[in-house]
Amino acid sequence: MTATKPDKRVKLTEAQVTDQCCTLLRLRGWRPIRLQSALVTRSDGGRYRVGEVGEPDYIMLRSEDPGDGEFFFCEFKAPGKKTTPAQDIWHEQARHEGFLVVTIDSLDAMVEFLDANYGRLVRR
């Protein structure tokens, strides 16, 4: 019988993936803006929704010159985690309308996405 080695890989949380990726994005000139979707309870006990069910975690903005702004929507997940059915619907509808929506579960995935869609980072 052979002993199996314990898995020593670090298991990142969604918050850690988000922090790493937002730091990278800021270094590349992007402005991450957190989107919120929640039910809020008023002082009278009534409730109302802020945001849209299934909307991504962030919208990322970047502009190097006036009038040439770029953006994309980003949903962060812990490695291996999947989007919810409500998120799938929101993302698909946005893509159908021509928007770029990406789900990212690691810093490597973010680098790959940025390089493929916005070119490799070139130092000036």
C-alpha atoms as a PDB file:
ATOM      1  CA  MET A   1       0.000   0.000   0.000  1.00  0.00           C
ATOM      2  CA  THR A   2       1.360   3.423  -0.927  1.00  0.00           C
ATOM      3  CA  ALA A   3       0.653   6.473   1.152  1.00  0.00           C
ATOM      4  CA  THR A   4      -0.918   9.397  -0.629  1.00  0.00           C
ATOM      5  CA  LYS A   5       0.668  12.770  -0.125  1.00  0.00           C
ATOM      6  CA  PRO A   6      -1.555  15.509   1.234  1.00  0.00           C
ATOM      7  CA  ASP A   7      -2.556  18.229  -1.216  1.00  0.00           C
ATOM      8  CA  LYS A   8      -0.343  21.186  -0.291  1.00  0.00           C
ATOM      9  CA  ARG A   9      -1.745  23.574  -2.892  1.00  0.00           C
ATOM     10  CA  VAL A  10      -3.129  26.759  -1.437  1.00  0.00           C
ATOM     11  CA  LYS A  11      -6.888  26.967  -1.822  1.00  0.00           C
ATOM     12  CA  LEU A  12      -7.764  30.593  -2.525  1.00  0.00           C
ATOM     13  CA  THR A  13     -11.043  32.189  -1.574  1.00  0.00           C
ATOM     14  CA  GLU A  14     -13.076  34.315  -3.966  1.00  0.00           C
ATOM     15  CA  ALA A  15     -11.999  37.394  -1.982  1.00  0.00           C
ATOM     16  CA  GLN A  16      -8.309  36.505  -2.451  1.00  0.00           C
ATOM     17  CA  VAL A  17      -8.745  35.965  -6.193  1.00  0.00           C
ATOM     18  CA  THR A  18     -10.610  39.286  -6.396  1.00  0.00           C
ATOM     19  CA  ASP A  19      -7.890  41.163  -4.495  1.00  0.00           C
ATOM     20  CA  GLN A  20      -5.083  39.710  -6.632  1.00  0.00           C
ATOM     21  CA  CYS A  21      -6.860  40.426  -9.899  1.00  0.00           C
ATOM     22  CA  CYS A  22      -7.967  43.949  -8.962  1.00  0.00           C
ATOM     23  CA  THR A  23      -4.369  44.780  -7.987  1.00  0.00           C
ATOM     24  CA  LEU A  24      -3.167  43.543 -11.386  1.00  0.00           C
ATOM     25  CA  LEU A  25      -5.907  45.466 -13.172  1.00  0.00           C
ATOM     26  CA  ARG A  26      -4.991  48.701 -11.381  1.00  0.00           C
ATOM     27  CA  LEU A  27      -1.344  48.182 -12.369  1.00  0.00           C
ATOM     28  CA  ARG A  28      -2.494  47.839 -15.982  1.00  0.00           C
ATOM     29  CA  GLY A  29      -4.501  51.059 -15.842  1.00  0.00           C
ATOM     30  CA  TRP A  30      -7.969  49.648 -15.170  1.00  0.00           C
ATOM     31  CA  ARG A  31     -10.438  51.062 -12.651  1.00  0.00           C
ATOM     32  CA  PRO A  32     -12.382  48.256 -10.931  1.00  0.00           C
ATOM     33  CA  ILE A  33     -15.851  49.344  -9.797  1.00  0.00           C
ATOM     34  CA  ARG A  34     -17.763  47.009  -7.482  1.00  0.00           C
ATOM     35  CA  LEU A  35     -21.351  46.300  -8.496  1.00  0.00           C
ATOM     36  CA  GLN A  36     -23.892  45.409  -5.828  1.00  0.00           C
ATOM     37  CA  SER A  37     -27.054  43.353  -5.987  1.00  0.00           C
ATOM     38  CA  ALA A  38     -29.018  42.935  -2.788  1.00  0.00           C
ATOM     39  CA  LEU A  39     -32.392  43.162  -1.108  1.00  0.00           C
ATOM     40  CA  VAL A  40     -32.415  46.135   1.242  1.00  0.00           C
ATOM     41  CA  THR A  41     -34.848  46.476   4.119  1.00  0.00           C
ATOM     42  CA  ARG A  42     -36.266  49.959   4.715  1.00  0.00           C
ATOM     43  CA  SER A  43     -36.943  51.337   8.187  1.00  0.00           C
ATOM     44  CA  ASP A  44     -40.670  50.641   7.678  1.00  0.00           C
ATOM     45  CA  GLY A  45     -39.931  46.953   7.031  1.00  0.00           C
ATOM     46  CA  GLY A  46     -40.464  47.160   3.265  1.00  0.00           C
ATOM     47  CA  ARG A  47     -37.826  45.772   0.951  1.00  0.00           C
ATOM     48  CA  TYR A  48     -36.391  46.827  -2.388  1.00  0.00           C
ATOM     49  CA  ARG A  49     -33.721  45.500  -4.717  1.00  0.00           C
ATOM     50  CA  VAL A  50     -30.490  47.310  -5.480  1.00  0.00           C
ATOM     51  CA  GLY A  51     -28.809  46.181  -8.701  1.00  0.00           C
ATOM     52  CA  GLU A  52     -29.899  43.242 -10.844  1.00  0.00           C
ATOM     53  CA  VAL A  53     -30.114  39.584  -9.907  1.00  0.00           C
ATOM     54  CA  GLY A  54     -27.136  37.760 -11.422  1.00  0.00           C
ATOM     55  CA  GLU A  55     -25.098  40.850 -12.311  1.00  0.00           C
ATOM     56  CA  PRO A  56     -21.308  40.422 -12.222  1.00  0.00           C
ATOM     57  CA  ASP A  57     -19.163  41.489  -9.272  1.00  0.00           C
ATOM     58  CA  TYR A  58     -17.346  44.288 -11.103  1.00  0.00           C
ATOM     59  CA  ILE A  59     -17.269  46.519 -14.127  1.00  0.00           C
ATOM     60  CA  MET A  60     -13.701  47.342 -15.187  1.00  0.00           C
ATOM     61  CA  LEU A  61     -13.040  50.703 -16.858  1.00  0.00           C
ATOM     62  CA  ARG A  62      -9.974  52.000 -18.684  1.00  0.00           C
ATOM     63  CA  SER A  63      -9.243  55.007 -20.857  1.00  0.00           C
ATOM     64  CA  GLU A  64      -5.881  56.217 -22.078  1.00  0.00           C
ATOM     65  CA  ASP A  65      -7.287  59.131 -24.082  1.00  0.00           C
ATOM     66  CA  PRO A  66     -10.603  61.022 -23.900  1.00  0.00           C
ATOM     67  CA  GLY A  67     -13.273  59.216 -25.893  1.00  0.00           C
ATOM     68  CA  ASP A  68     -11.524  55.844 -26.175  1.00  0.00           C
ATOM     69  CA  GLY A  69     -12.829  54.178 -23.027  1.00  0.00           C
ATOM     70  CA  GLU A  70     -12.951  50.405 -22.718  1.00  0.00           C
ATOM     71  CA  PHE A  71     -14.819  48.246 -20.251  1.00  0.00           C
ATOM     72  CA  PHE A  72     -15.806  44.712 -19.422  1.00  0.00           C
ATOM     73  CA  PHE A  73     -17.874  42.973 -16.760  1.00  0.00           C
ATOM     74  CA  CYS A  74     -16.096  40.525 -14.456  1.00  0.00           C
ATOM     75  CA  GLU A  75     -17.443  37.803 -12.176  1.00  0.00           C
ATOM     76  CA  PHE A  76     -14.879  36.447  -9.713  1.00  0.00           C
ATOM     77  CA  LYS A  77     -15.057  32.927  -8.309  1.00  0.00           C
ATOM     78  CA  ALA A  78     -12.890  30.808  -6.059  1.00  0.00           C
ATOM     79  CA  PRO A  79     -10.878  28.308  -8.127  1.00  0.00           C
ATOM     80  CA  GLY A  80     -13.153  25.611  -9.516  1.00  0.00           C
ATOM     81  CA  LYS A  81     -16.399  27.276  -8.430  1.00  0.00           C
ATOM     82  CA  LYS A  82     -19.168  27.841 -10.986  1.00  0.00           C
ATOM     83  CA  THR A  83     -21.564  30.675 -11.661  1.00  0.00           C
ATOM     84  CA  THR A  84     -25.164  30.416 -10.464  1.00  0.00           C
ATOM     85  CA  PRO A  85     -28.061  29.951 -12.901  1.00  0.00           C
ATOM     86  CA  ALA A  86     -29.068  33.612 -12.359  1.00  0.00           C
ATOM     87  CA  GLN A  87     -25.527  34.716 -13.195  1.00  0.00           C
ATOM     88  CA  ASP A  88     -25.493  32.519 -16.305  1.00  0.00           C
ATOM     89  CA  ILE A  89     -28.697  34.191 -17.518  1.00  0.00           C
ATOM     90  CA  TRP A  90     -27.407  37.723 -16.845  1.00  0.00           C
ATOM     91  CA  HIS A  91     -24.044  37.021 -18.505  1.00  0.00           C
ATOM     92  CA  GLU A  92     -25.627  35.431 -21.586  1.00  0.00           C
ATOM     93  CA  GLN A  93     -28.088  38.299 -22.027  1.00  0.00           C
ATOM     94  CA  ALA A  94     -25.269  40.862 -21.734  1.00  0.00           C
ATOM     95  CA  ARG A  95     -23.145  38.950 -24.275  1.00  0.00           C
ATOM     96  CA  HIS A  96     -26.138  38.808 -26.623  1.00  0.00           C
ATOM     97  CA  GLU A  97     -26.335  42.605 -26.330  1.00  0.00           C
ATOM     98  CA  GLY A  98     -22.663  42.881 -27.312  1.00  0.00           C
ATOM     99  CA  PHE A  99     -21.020  43.298 -23.912  1.00  0.00           C
ATOM    100  CA  LEU A 100     -17.864  41.501 -22.827  1.00  0.00           C
ATOM    101  CA  VAL A 101     -18.435  39.403 -19.680  1.00  0.00           C
ATOM    102  CA  VAL A 102     -15.799  37.136 -18.164  1.00  0.00           C
ATOM    103  CA  THR A 103     -15.704  34.769 -15.199  1.00  0.00           C
ATOM    104  CA  ILE A 104     -12.280  34.595 -13.549  1.00  0.00           C
ATOM    105  CA  ASP A 105     -11.105  32.115 -10.900  1.00  0.00           C
ATOM    106  CA  SER A 106      -7.364  32.836 -10.724  1.00  0.00           C
ATOM    107  CA  LEU A 107      -4.726  35.466 -11.369  1.00  0.00           C
ATOM    108  CA  ASP A 108      -3.393  33.357 -14.260  1.00  0.00           C
ATOM    109  CA  ALA A 109      -6.859  33.333 -15.847  1.00  0.00           C
ATOM    110  CA  MET A 110      -7.012  37.141 -15.570  1.00  0.00           C
ATOM    111  CA  VAL A 111      -3.586  37.559 -17.192  1.00  0.00           C
ATOM    112  CA  GLU A 112      -4.629  35.216 -20.016  1.00  0.00           C
ATOM    113  CA  PHE A 113      -7.907  37.112 -20.523  1.00  0.00           C
ATOM    114  CA  LEU A 114      -6.225  40.536 -20.554  1.00  0.00           C
ATOM    115  CA  ASP A 115      -3.470  39.407 -22.933  1.00  0.00           C
ATOM    116  CA  ALA A 116      -5.978  37.827 -25.319  1.00  0.00           C
ATOM    117  CA  ASN A 117      -8.432  40.752 -25.329  1.00  0.00           C
ATOM    118  CA  TYR A 118      -6.323  43.834 -24.686  1.00  0.00           C
ATOM    119  CA  GLY A 119      -2.800  42.853 -25.719  1.00  0.00           C
ATOM    120  CA  ARG A 120       0.197  41.946 -23.656  1.00  0.00           C
ATOM    121  CA  LEU A 121       1.451  44.440 -21.130  1.00  0.00           C
ATOM    122  CA  VAL A 122       4.135  46.591 -22.738  1.00  0.00           C
ATOM    123  CA  ARG A 123       6.206  48.843 -20.519  1.00  0.00           C
ATOM    124  CA  ARG A 124       6.591  52.396 -21.794  1.00  0.00           C
END
